[in-house]
């Protein structure tokens, strides 16, 4: 399997585990996927988004906030799309409120 496909799979699995309330397992799964936030935020911002929400769901809020703030600097459209995860009930709206940077104009 290509390295990129493997990283996507591991990150997506971690994201799904976090949505199921299995934060510890999700973090273990994330640890299996190589990650460089400085490079990945420009090349694969969707992975950074999923990767940021996962620690937030495991109560590692500072880590989630840091990744999302970095993502907003480089790929703000991805942070903006995450704002729709709450109303769509994909991600707990309270979690998003705690980890997403403030929206422009707030």
Foldseek 3Di string as FASTA:
>chain_A
DDLVVQLVVLLVVLLVCLLVLNLVVSVVSNVVRDDDLVVCLQVPVVSLLSVLLSVLSVVPQVSSQVSQVSSCVRPVVSLVVVCVCCVVVVHPNVSNVSRHDDDPPD
